[in-house]
Structure formats: C-alpha cells, structure tokens
Amino acid sequence: MQAYCMKCRAKKEMKDLESVTLKNGRTATQGTCSSCGTKMFKIGKA
C-alpha cells in the first residue's frame, strides 16, 4: 500500500503494515517507509 512520506516528500510503499482503530472509531493503516524508515499513516484503508 502506498502513502505519503513526510521525510521523502513523495508517495512511497509502506512496509510492516498494521491496522489500527482511531478514538473516533475510524480505521487506519500504520507502517514504515520502505526508503527511509519513517513512520507512515493512512486514514481510511485498513
């Protein structure tokens, strides 16, 4: 799954994907950037 990396300033592929639920009940996906290892977050796709 792709998400925007704030450090690379580009859309990159996420690795180590993990589904999380936010406080308001929405689902999100959390992972790390495949290039630099920064934490990435995408709301709405689990």
C-alpha atoms as a PDB file:
ATOM      1  CA  MET A   1       0.000   0.000   0.000  1.00  0.00           C
ATOM      2  CA  GLN A   2       1.250   3.473  -0.802  1.00  0.00           C
ATOM      3  CA  ALA A   3       1.135   6.509   1.469  1.00  0.00           C
ATOM      4  CA  TYR A   4       2.778   9.933   1.576  1.00  0.00           C
ATOM      5  CA  CYS A   5       6.126  10.051   3.396  1.00  0.00           C
ATOM      6  CA  MET A   6       6.716  13.402   5.117  1.00  0.00           C
ATOM      7  CA  LYS A   7      10.502  12.938   5.155  1.00  0.00           C
ATOM      8  CA  CYS A   8      10.907  11.863   1.496  1.00  0.00           C
ATOM      9  CA  ARG A   9       8.116  14.247   0.365  1.00  0.00           C
ATOM     10  CA  ALA A  10       6.726  11.665  -2.039  1.00  0.00           C
ATOM     11  CA  LYS A  11       4.349   8.714  -2.174  1.00  0.00           C
ATOM     12  CA  LYS A  12       6.232   5.590  -1.131  1.00  0.00           C
ATOM     13  CA  GLU A  13       5.387   1.971  -0.452  1.00  0.00           C
ATOM     14  CA  MET A  14       4.645   1.128   3.197  1.00  0.00           C
ATOM     15  CA  LYS A  15       6.072  -1.950   4.880  1.00  0.00           C
ATOM     16  CA  ASP A  16       5.250  -3.588   8.244  1.00  0.00           C
ATOM     17  CA  LEU A  17       1.554  -2.738   7.837  1.00  0.00           C
ATOM     18  CA  GLU A  18      -0.660  -2.727  10.911  1.00  0.00           C
ATOM     19  CA  SER A  19      -4.394  -1.963  11.137  1.00  0.00           C
ATOM     20  CA  VAL A  20      -5.369   0.458  13.902  1.00  0.00           C
ATOM     21  CA  THR A  21      -8.642   1.977  15.085  1.00  0.00           C
ATOM     22  CA  LEU A  22      -8.733   5.666  15.974  1.00  0.00           C
ATOM     23  CA  LYS A  23     -10.510   7.110  19.022  1.00  0.00           C
ATOM     24  CA  ASN A  24     -13.469   8.180  16.889  1.00  0.00           C
ATOM     25  CA  GLY A  25     -13.911   4.636  15.517  1.00  0.00           C
ATOM     26  CA  ARG A  26     -12.406   5.126  12.048  1.00  0.00           C
ATOM     27  CA  THR A  27      -9.917   2.600  10.711  1.00  0.00           C
ATOM     28  CA  ALA A  28      -6.390   3.426   9.593  1.00  0.00           C
ATOM     29  CA  THR A  29      -3.207   1.731   8.458  1.00  0.00           C
ATOM     30  CA  GLN A  30       0.164   2.363  10.055  1.00  0.00           C
ATOM     31  CA  GLY A  31       3.555   1.318   8.730  1.00  0.00           C
ATOM     32  CA  THR A  32       7.072   2.435   7.891  1.00  0.00           C
ATOM     33  CA  CYS A  33       8.563   3.945   4.738  1.00  0.00           C
ATOM     34  CA  SER A  34      10.434   1.426   2.600  1.00  0.00           C
ATOM     35  CA  SER A  35      13.142   4.014   1.781  1.00  0.00           C
ATOM     36  CA  CYS A  36      13.924   5.925   4.982  1.00  0.00           C
ATOM     37  CA  GLY A  37      12.123   4.002   7.752  1.00  0.00           C
ATOM     38  CA  THR A  38       9.941   6.917   8.912  1.00  0.00           C
ATOM     39  CA  LYS A  39       6.539   6.117  10.437  1.00  0.00           C
ATOM     40  CA  MET A  40       3.700   6.486   7.911  1.00  0.00           C
ATOM     41  CA  PHE A  41      -0.038   6.678   8.489  1.00  0.00           C
ATOM     42  CA  LYS A  42      -3.035   6.411   6.137  1.00  0.00           C
ATOM     43  CA  ILE A  43      -6.581   7.008   7.347  1.00  0.00           C
ATOM     44  CA  GLY A  44      -9.498   5.139   5.822  1.00  0.00           C
ATOM     45  CA  LYS A  45      -7.954   1.936   4.484  1.00  0.00           C
ATOM     46  CA  ALA A  46      -7.469  -0.983   6.812  1.00  0.00           C
END
